[in-house]
Amino acid sequence: MAYTDYQFYTTKYFGDAVTEEEFPKYAERASERVDSITFDRLADGLPEDEKDNTKVQKAVCAVAEVLQQIDSIRKASMDTVGVVKHEDGTVSKKQVASITSGAESISFVTGTNGTADSIYARASMDKKVEALLIRQVASEYLQGVVDKKGVCLLYAGI
């Protein structure tokens, strides 16, 4: 079950990157990632302290936006592999990225050409980068937040 809802996302987090239709999917996935980062310390429920509760929900919102961004890049890269869809519905072979005249050279768009400098593009191609990015984004909000037993959510000890 997701730790936040779309109303919180738009009114308290002030998010606008994830649509209302997509939000349940990304909020659920983000909550699972936050559970992983916090060693399932939220399984017994969100913190009772209102400030800590808000921080957990904001962490989920931030991670949801990261996951949505990564997914959109993956989808865009898949659209460039193999075929090009034209406005009139016709389909042709791969999209041309560049043409050189002398000795004739043609390069085709593959994967995420042109977006590799984005951290989201790198995360879309490398699960380790994705995990680090999500941990970093969530940690900004979860730093110092404690569970119902008073244990810091990010504490890795026993």
N, C-alpha and C. Protein backbone atom coordinates (compact mmCIF):
# COMPACT_ATOMS: atom_id res chain seq x y z
N MET A 1 0.83 -1.18 0.00
CA MET A 1 0.00 0.00 0.00
C MET A 1 0.88 1.25 0.00
N ALA A 2 0.55 2.19 -0.83
CA ALA A 2 1.34 3.42 -0.96
C ALA A 2 1.23 4.26 0.31
N TYR A 3 2.33 4.92 0.64
CA TYR A 3 2.39 5.74 1.85
C TYR A 3 1.86 7.15 1.67
N THR A 4 1.40 7.49 0.49
CA THR A 4 0.85 8.82 0.24
C THR A 4 -0.19 8.73 -0.86
N ASP A 5 -0.84 9.84 -1.14
CA ASP A 5 -1.86 9.87 -2.18
C ASP A 5 -1.66 11.09 -3.08
N TYR A 6 -2.46 11.15 -4.12
CA TYR A 6 -2.30 12.22 -5.11
C TYR A 6 -2.61 13.60 -4.52
N GLN A 7 -3.55 13.65 -3.61
CA GLN A 7 -3.89 14.94 -2.99
C GLN A 7 -2.68 15.50 -2.24
N PHE A 8 -1.99 14.65 -1.46
CA PHE A 8 -0.79 15.09 -0.76
C PHE A 8 0.27 15.53 -1.77
N TYR A 9 0.42 14.73 -2.82
CA TYR A 9 1.41 15.01 -3.85
C TYR A 9 1.23 16.41 -4.44
N THR A 10 -0.01 16.79 -4.73
CA THR A 10 -0.24 18.08 -5.37
C THR A 10 -0.36 19.24 -4.39
N THR A 11 -0.85 18.98 -3.17
CA THR A 11 -1.11 20.10 -2.25
C THR A 11 -0.01 20.33 -1.22
N LYS A 12 0.72 19.30 -0.82
CA LYS A 12 1.77 19.45 0.20
C LYS A 12 3.17 19.35 -0.40
N TYR A 13 3.34 18.42 -1.35
CA TYR A 13 4.64 18.27 -2.03
C TYR A 13 4.74 19.23 -3.21
N PHE A 14 3.60 19.66 -3.71
CA PHE A 14 3.49 20.58 -4.85
C PHE A 14 4.08 19.97 -6.12
N GLY A 15 3.84 18.68 -6.30
CA GLY A 15 4.33 17.98 -7.48
C GLY A 15 3.41 18.15 -8.67
N ASP A 16 4.00 18.07 -9.87
CA ASP A 16 3.21 18.15 -11.09
C ASP A 16 3.77 17.28 -12.21
N ALA A 17 4.79 16.51 -11.90
CA ALA A 17 5.43 15.68 -12.93
C ALA A 17 4.66 14.39 -13.22
N VAL A 18 3.96 13.87 -12.23
CA VAL A 18 3.23 12.61 -12.37
C VAL A 18 1.74 12.95 -12.47
N THR A 19 1.08 12.38 -13.47
CA THR A 19 -0.35 12.64 -13.64
C THR A 19 -1.15 11.87 -12.60
N GLU A 20 -2.39 12.29 -12.42
CA GLU A 20 -3.27 11.63 -11.45
C GLU A 20 -3.50 10.16 -11.82
N GLU A 21 -3.57 9.87 -13.12
CA GLU A 21 -3.78 8.49 -13.57
C GLU A 21 -2.56 7.61 -13.27
N GLU A 22 -1.37 8.17 -13.44
CA GLU A 22 -0.13 7.41 -13.22
C GLU A 22 0.26 7.31 -11.75
N PHE A 23 -0.23 8.24 -10.94
CA PHE A 23 0.27 8.36 -9.57
C PHE A 23 0.13 7.08 -8.74
N PRO A 24 -0.99 6.37 -8.75
CA PRO A 24 -1.07 5.16 -7.92
C PRO A 24 0.04 4.14 -8.22
N LYS A 25 0.36 3.98 -9.50
CA LYS A 25 1.42 3.04 -9.89
C LYS A 25 2.77 3.49 -9.35
N TYR A 26 3.11 4.74 -9.56
CA TYR A 26 4.42 5.22 -9.12
C TYR A 26 4.50 5.38 -7.60
N ALA A 27 3.41 5.73 -6.95
CA ALA A 27 3.40 5.85 -5.49
C ALA A 27 3.62 4.48 -4.85
N GLU A 28 3.02 3.46 -5.43
CA GLU A 28 3.18 2.11 -4.90
C GLU A 28 4.63 1.64 -5.07
N ARG A 29 5.17 1.84 -6.26
CA ARG A 29 6.56 1.45 -6.52
C ARG A 29 7.53 2.25 -5.64
N ALA A 30 7.25 3.54 -5.47
CA ALA A 30 8.10 4.39 -4.64
C ALA A 30 8.04 3.94 -3.18
N SER A 31 6.86 3.57 -2.72
CA SER A 31 6.72 3.09 -1.34
C SER A 31 7.52 1.82 -1.12
N GLU A 32 7.53 0.95 -2.11
CA GLU A 32 8.34 -0.27 -2.02
C GLU A 32 9.83 0.06 -1.96
N ARG A 33 10.26 1.05 -2.74
CA ARG A 33 11.67 1.46 -2.70
C ARG A 33 12.02 2.08 -1.35
N VAL A 34 11.12 2.89 -0.80
CA VAL A 34 11.35 3.48 0.52
C VAL A 34 11.41 2.38 1.58
N ASP A 35 10.55 1.37 1.46
CA ASP A 35 10.62 0.23 2.39
C ASP A 35 11.98 -0.44 2.34
N SER A 36 12.51 -0.60 1.15
CA SER A 36 13.83 -1.21 0.98
C SER A 36 14.91 -0.36 1.63
N ILE A 37 14.86 0.93 1.42
CA ILE A 37 15.85 1.85 1.96
C ILE A 37 15.78 1.91 3.49
N THR A 38 14.56 1.79 4.03
CA THR A 38 14.35 1.92 5.47
C THR A 38 14.29 0.56 6.19
N PHE A 39 14.68 -0.50 5.50
CA PHE A 39 14.72 -1.83 6.10
C PHE A 39 13.35 -2.25 6.64
N ASP A 40 12.30 -1.89 5.91
CA ASP A 40 10.90 -2.22 6.24
C ASP A 40 10.45 -1.70 7.60
N ARG A 41 11.06 -0.64 8.07
CA ARG A 41 10.68 -0.08 9.37
C ARG A 41 9.33 0.63 9.33
N LEU A 42 8.81 0.87 8.14
CA LEU A 42 7.50 1.51 8.03
C LEU A 42 6.36 0.49 7.91
N ALA A 43 6.70 -0.79 7.98
CA ALA A 43 5.69 -1.85 7.84
C ALA A 43 4.63 -1.76 8.94
N ASP A 44 5.01 -1.27 10.11
CA ASP A 44 4.05 -1.12 11.22
C ASP A 44 3.24 0.16 11.11
N GLY A 45 3.50 0.97 10.12
CA GLY A 45 2.76 2.22 9.92
C GLY A 45 3.69 3.41 9.86
N LEU A 46 3.14 4.50 9.35
CA LEU A 46 3.90 5.74 9.25
C LEU A 46 4.18 6.30 10.65
N PRO A 47 5.21 7.11 10.79
CA PRO A 47 5.51 7.71 12.08
C PRO A 47 4.32 8.53 12.60
N GLU A 48 4.11 8.51 13.91
CA GLU A 48 2.98 9.24 14.50
C GLU A 48 3.26 10.73 14.55
N ASP A 49 4.52 11.12 14.63
CA ASP A 49 4.89 12.53 14.63
C ASP A 49 4.52 13.12 13.26
N GLU A 50 3.73 14.20 13.27
CA GLU A 50 3.23 14.77 12.02
C GLU A 50 4.36 15.22 11.08
N LYS A 51 5.40 15.81 11.65
CA LYS A 51 6.52 16.28 10.83
C LYS A 51 7.23 15.10 10.16
N ASP A 52 7.49 14.04 10.91
CA ASP A 52 8.13 12.85 10.35
C ASP A 52 7.24 12.16 9.33
N ASN A 53 5.93 12.12 9.60
CA ASN A 53 4.98 11.52 8.68
C ASN A 53 5.01 12.26 7.35
N THR A 54 5.05 13.59 7.40
CA THR A 54 5.12 14.41 6.20
C THR A 54 6.41 14.15 5.43
N LYS A 55 7.52 13.99 6.14
CA LYS A 55 8.79 13.73 5.48
C LYS A 55 8.77 12.40 4.73
N VAL A 56 8.16 11.39 5.34
CA VAL A 56 8.07 10.08 4.66
C VAL A 56 7.24 10.21 3.40
N GLN A 57 6.12 10.91 3.48
CA GLN A 57 5.27 11.08 2.30
C GLN A 57 5.98 11.88 1.21
N LYS A 58 6.74 12.90 1.61
CA LYS A 58 7.49 13.66 0.62
C LYS A 58 8.58 12.81 -0.03
N ALA A 59 9.20 11.93 0.75
CA ALA A 59 10.20 11.02 0.19
C ALA A 59 9.57 10.12 -0.87
N VAL A 60 8.38 9.62 -0.59
CA VAL A 60 7.67 8.77 -1.55
C VAL A 60 7.34 9.57 -2.81
N CYS A 61 6.90 10.80 -2.65
CA CYS A 61 6.58 11.65 -3.81
C CYS A 61 7.83 11.89 -4.67
N ALA A 62 8.94 12.19 -4.01
CA ALA A 62 10.18 12.45 -4.74
C ALA A 62 10.64 11.21 -5.51
N VAL A 63 10.57 10.05 -4.87
CA VAL A 63 10.97 8.80 -5.53
C VAL A 63 10.00 8.48 -6.66
N ALA A 64 8.72 8.75 -6.48
CA ALA A 64 7.73 8.51 -7.54
C ALA A 64 8.08 9.33 -8.78
N GLU A 65 8.48 10.59 -8.58
CA GLU A 65 8.87 11.42 -9.72
C GLU A 65 10.11 10.88 -10.42
N VAL A 66 11.07 10.39 -9.65
CA VAL A 66 12.28 9.82 -10.25
C VAL A 66 11.91 8.59 -11.08
N LEU A 67 11.09 7.71 -10.52
CA LEU A 67 10.69 6.50 -11.24
C LEU A 67 9.92 6.84 -12.51
N GLN A 68 9.06 7.85 -12.45
CA GLN A 68 8.30 8.26 -13.63
C GLN A 68 9.24 8.81 -14.70
N GLN A 69 10.22 9.60 -14.30
CA GLN A 69 11.18 10.17 -15.25
C GLN A 69 12.00 9.07 -15.92
N ILE A 70 12.46 8.11 -15.14
CA ILE A 70 13.24 6.99 -15.68
C ILE A 70 12.40 6.18 -16.66
N ASP A 71 11.15 5.91 -16.28
CA ASP A 71 10.26 5.17 -17.18
C ASP A 71 10.02 5.92 -18.49
N SER A 72 9.85 7.23 -18.41
CA SER A 72 9.59 7.99 -19.64
C SER A 72 10.80 7.96 -20.57
N ILE A 73 11.99 7.97 -20.01
CA ILE A 73 13.21 7.88 -20.84
C ILE A 73 13.32 6.48 -21.45
N ARG A 74 13.01 5.45 -20.68
CA ARG A 74 13.04 4.08 -21.23
C ARG A 74 12.05 3.93 -22.37
N LYS A 75 10.86 4.47 -22.20
CA LYS A 75 9.85 4.38 -23.25
C LYS A 75 10.29 5.14 -24.50
N ALA A 76 10.85 6.33 -24.30
CA ALA A 76 11.33 7.13 -25.43
C ALA A 76 12.45 6.41 -26.17
N SER A 77 13.33 5.76 -25.43
CA SER A 77 14.44 5.07 -26.09
C SER A 77 13.94 3.86 -26.87
N MET A 78 12.91 3.20 -26.37
CA MET A 78 12.36 2.05 -27.09
C MET A 78 11.66 2.51 -28.38
N ASP A 79 11.12 3.71 -28.37
CA ASP A 79 10.46 4.24 -29.57
C ASP A 79 11.45 4.51 -30.69
N THR A 80 12.74 4.67 -30.37
CA THR A 80 13.73 4.97 -31.41
C THR A 80 14.45 3.74 -31.92
N VAL A 81 14.19 2.60 -31.33
CA VAL A 81 14.89 1.39 -31.73
C VAL A 81 14.09 0.67 -32.81
N GLY A 82 14.69 0.47 -33.96
CA GLY A 82 14.10 -0.34 -35.01
C GLY A 82 13.26 0.39 -36.02
N VAL A 83 12.29 1.19 -35.58
CA VAL A 83 11.38 1.82 -36.53
C VAL A 83 11.08 3.26 -36.12
N VAL A 84 10.53 4.00 -37.08
CA VAL A 84 10.05 5.35 -36.84
C VAL A 84 8.57 5.38 -37.22
N LYS A 85 7.75 5.91 -36.33
CA LYS A 85 6.32 6.05 -36.61
C LYS A 85 6.06 7.48 -37.08
N HIS A 86 5.48 7.60 -38.26
CA HIS A 86 5.19 8.92 -38.83
C HIS A 86 3.78 9.36 -38.43
N GLU A 87 3.53 10.66 -38.57
CA GLU A 87 2.23 11.22 -38.19
C GLU A 87 1.08 10.59 -38.95
N ASP A 88 1.31 10.21 -40.20
CA ASP A 88 0.23 9.62 -41.00
C ASP A 88 0.01 8.14 -40.69
N GLY A 89 0.73 7.60 -39.69
CA GLY A 89 0.55 6.21 -39.30
C GLY A 89 1.49 5.24 -39.97
N THR A 90 2.25 5.70 -40.95
CA THR A 90 3.19 4.79 -41.62
C THR A 90 4.42 4.57 -40.74
N VAL A 91 5.06 3.47 -40.99
CA VAL A 91 6.25 3.11 -40.22
C VAL A 91 7.40 2.90 -41.18
N SER A 92 8.56 3.46 -40.84
CA SER A 92 9.75 3.26 -41.66
C SER A 92 10.86 2.72 -40.78
N LYS A 93 11.99 2.42 -41.39
CA LYS A 93 13.12 1.87 -40.63
C LYS A 93 13.68 2.90 -39.67
N LYS A 94 14.80 2.60 -39.06
CA LYS A 94 15.38 3.44 -38.02
C LYS A 94 15.48 4.90 -38.40
N GLN A 95 15.39 5.74 -37.36
CA GLN A 95 15.46 7.19 -37.52
C GLN A 95 16.91 7.61 -37.74
N VAL A 96 17.11 8.53 -38.67
CA VAL A 96 18.45 9.02 -38.98
C VAL A 96 18.84 10.07 -37.94
N ALA A 97 20.03 9.89 -37.33
CA ALA A 97 20.53 10.85 -36.34
C ALA A 97 21.42 11.88 -37.01
N SER A 98 22.24 11.45 -37.98
CA SER A 98 23.12 12.39 -38.68
C SER A 98 23.53 11.81 -40.03
N ILE A 99 23.86 12.74 -40.96
CA ILE A 99 24.33 12.35 -42.30
C ILE A 99 25.58 13.16 -42.60
N THR A 100 26.63 12.49 -43.08
CA THR A 100 27.86 13.16 -43.51
C THR A 100 27.97 12.96 -45.01
N SER A 101 28.30 14.00 -45.74
CA SER A 101 28.32 13.92 -47.19
C SER A 101 29.59 13.28 -47.75
N GLY A 102 30.79 13.77 -47.33
CA GLY A 102 32.05 13.22 -47.85
C GLY A 102 32.22 11.77 -47.43
N ALA A 103 32.34 10.88 -48.36
CA ALA A 103 32.44 9.44 -48.15
C ALA A 103 31.15 8.86 -47.56
N GLU A 104 30.09 9.61 -47.62
CA GLU A 104 28.74 9.22 -47.24
C GLU A 104 28.66 8.37 -45.98
N SER A 105 28.21 8.96 -44.92
CA SER A 105 28.05 8.29 -43.63
C SER A 105 26.68 8.63 -43.07
N ILE A 106 25.96 7.63 -42.63
CA ILE A 106 24.64 7.84 -42.02
C ILE A 106 24.64 7.16 -40.65
N SER A 107 24.23 7.90 -39.63
CA SER A 107 24.10 7.35 -38.27
C SER A 107 22.62 7.31 -37.91
N PHE A 108 22.23 6.24 -37.25
CA PHE A 108 20.84 6.08 -36.85
C PHE A 108 20.71 6.27 -35.35
N VAL A 109 19.53 6.75 -34.95
CA VAL A 109 19.23 6.92 -33.53
C VAL A 109 19.06 5.53 -32.91
N THR A 110 19.73 5.32 -31.81
CA THR A 110 19.57 4.07 -31.08
C THR A 110 19.47 4.37 -29.60
N GLY A 111 18.60 3.68 -28.91
CA GLY A 111 18.49 3.83 -27.46
C GLY A 111 18.24 5.25 -27.04
N THR A 112 19.15 5.79 -26.22
CA THR A 112 18.95 7.13 -25.65
C THR A 112 19.96 8.12 -26.21
N ASN A 113 20.21 8.09 -27.51
CA ASN A 113 21.12 9.06 -28.13
C ASN A 113 20.76 10.47 -27.69
N GLY A 114 21.77 11.23 -27.30
CA GLY A 114 21.55 12.62 -26.99
C GLY A 114 21.10 12.91 -25.57
N THR A 115 20.76 11.88 -24.79
CA THR A 115 20.31 12.13 -23.42
C THR A 115 21.23 11.50 -22.39
N ALA A 116 22.36 10.98 -22.82
CA ALA A 116 23.24 10.24 -21.93
C ALA A 116 23.84 11.10 -20.81
N ASP A 117 23.80 12.45 -20.95
CA ASP A 117 24.39 13.27 -19.90
C ASP A 117 23.43 13.42 -18.72
N SER A 118 22.19 13.06 -18.86
CA SER A 118 21.20 13.15 -17.79
C SER A 118 21.38 12.01 -16.81
N ILE A 119 21.28 12.33 -15.51
CA ILE A 119 21.36 11.28 -14.50
C ILE A 119 20.20 10.30 -14.65
N TYR A 120 19.06 10.80 -15.11
CA TYR A 120 17.91 9.94 -15.33
C TYR A 120 18.16 8.98 -16.49
N ALA A 121 18.84 9.46 -17.53
CA ALA A 121 19.17 8.59 -18.66
C ALA A 121 20.14 7.51 -18.23
N ARG A 122 21.14 7.89 -17.43
CA ARG A 122 22.07 6.89 -16.93
C ARG A 122 21.36 5.89 -16.03
N ALA A 123 20.44 6.38 -15.21
CA ALA A 123 19.68 5.49 -14.32
C ALA A 123 18.78 4.56 -15.12
N SER A 124 18.29 5.03 -16.27
CA SER A 124 17.43 4.18 -17.09
C SER A 124 18.20 3.03 -17.72
N MET A 125 19.52 3.16 -17.79
CA MET A 125 20.35 2.13 -18.42
C MET A 125 21.14 1.29 -17.41
N ASP A 126 21.20 1.73 -16.15
CA ASP A 126 22.04 1.06 -15.16
C ASP A 126 21.30 0.99 -13.83
N LYS A 127 20.96 -0.22 -13.39
CA LYS A 127 20.20 -0.42 -12.15
C LYS A 127 20.96 0.09 -10.92
N LYS A 128 22.29 0.03 -10.94
CA LYS A 128 23.06 0.53 -9.80
C LYS A 128 22.91 2.05 -9.69
N VAL A 129 22.98 2.74 -10.81
CA VAL A 129 22.80 4.19 -10.82
C VAL A 129 21.38 4.53 -10.38
N GLU A 130 20.41 3.75 -10.85
CA GLU A 130 19.02 3.96 -10.45
C GLU A 130 18.87 3.83 -8.94
N ALA A 131 19.42 2.78 -8.37
CA ALA A 131 19.32 2.55 -6.92
C ALA A 131 19.98 3.67 -6.13
N LEU A 132 21.15 4.12 -6.58
CA LEU A 132 21.84 5.22 -5.89
C LEU A 132 21.04 6.51 -5.98
N LEU A 133 20.50 6.80 -7.14
CA LEU A 133 19.70 8.01 -7.32
C LEU A 133 18.48 7.99 -6.40
N ILE A 134 17.78 6.88 -6.36
CA ILE A 134 16.59 6.77 -5.52
C ILE A 134 16.94 6.90 -4.05
N ARG A 135 18.03 6.25 -3.63
CA ARG A 135 18.47 6.35 -2.24
C ARG A 135 18.81 7.80 -1.88
N GLN A 136 19.50 8.47 -2.77
CA GLN A 136 19.89 9.86 -2.52
C GLN A 136 18.67 10.76 -2.40
N VAL A 137 17.72 10.61 -3.31
CA VAL A 137 16.52 11.44 -3.30
C VAL A 137 15.69 11.18 -2.04
N ALA A 138 15.51 9.91 -1.68
CA ALA A 138 14.73 9.58 -0.49
C ALA A 138 15.42 10.03 0.79
N SER A 139 16.73 9.89 0.83
CA SER A 139 17.49 10.24 2.03
C SER A 139 17.41 11.72 2.38
N GLU A 140 17.21 12.55 1.38
CA GLU A 140 17.06 13.99 1.65
C GLU A 140 15.90 14.25 2.60
N TYR A 141 14.86 13.45 2.49
CA TYR A 141 13.67 13.63 3.34
C TYR A 141 13.71 12.75 4.59
N LEU A 142 14.34 11.59 4.51
CA LEU A 142 14.28 10.62 5.60
C LEU A 142 15.35 10.80 6.66
N GLN A 143 16.31 11.68 6.42
CA GLN A 143 17.39 11.92 7.37
C GLN A 143 16.80 12.34 8.72
N GLY A 144 17.10 11.59 9.78
CA GLY A 144 16.66 11.93 11.13
C GLY A 144 15.25 11.50 11.48
N VAL A 145 14.52 10.91 10.55
CA VAL A 145 13.15 10.46 10.82
C VAL A 145 13.22 9.11 11.54
N VAL A 146 12.40 8.97 12.60
CA VAL A 146 12.40 7.74 13.38
C VAL A 146 11.09 7.00 13.23
N ASP A 147 11.14 5.68 13.43
CA ASP A 147 9.94 4.86 13.37
C ASP A 147 9.22 4.91 14.72
N LYS A 148 8.19 4.08 14.87
CA LYS A 148 7.40 4.07 16.11
C LYS A 148 8.20 3.62 17.33
N LYS A 149 9.29 2.90 17.10
CA LYS A 149 10.14 2.43 18.20
C LYS A 149 11.26 3.40 18.51
N GLY A 150 11.34 4.50 17.77
CA GLY A 150 12.38 5.50 18.00
C GLY A 150 13.68 5.23 17.27
N VAL A 151 13.66 4.29 16.33
CA VAL A 151 14.88 3.94 15.56
C VAL A 151 14.86 4.75 14.27
N CYS A 152 15.99 5.35 13.96
CA CYS A 152 16.11 6.12 12.72
C CYS A 152 15.83 5.20 11.52
N LEU A 153 15.00 5.69 10.61
CA LEU A 153 14.61 4.87 9.45
C LEU A 153 15.79 4.45 8.58
N LEU A 154 16.83 5.27 8.53
CA LEU A 154 17.97 4.96 7.69
C LEU A 154 19.07 4.18 8.42
N TYR A 155 18.87 3.90 9.70
CA TYR A 155 19.87 3.19 10.49
C TYR A 155 20.01 1.76 9.99
N ALA A 156 21.22 1.37 9.62
CA ALA A 156 21.46 0.05 9.03
C ALA A 156 21.86 -0.99 10.07
N GLY A 157 22.03 -0.61 11.30
CA GLY A 157 22.44 -1.56 12.35
C GLY A 157 21.28 -2.39 12.86
N ILE A 158 21.57 -3.15 13.89
CA ILE A 158 20.52 -3.99 14.47
C ILE A 158 19.97 -3.42 15.74
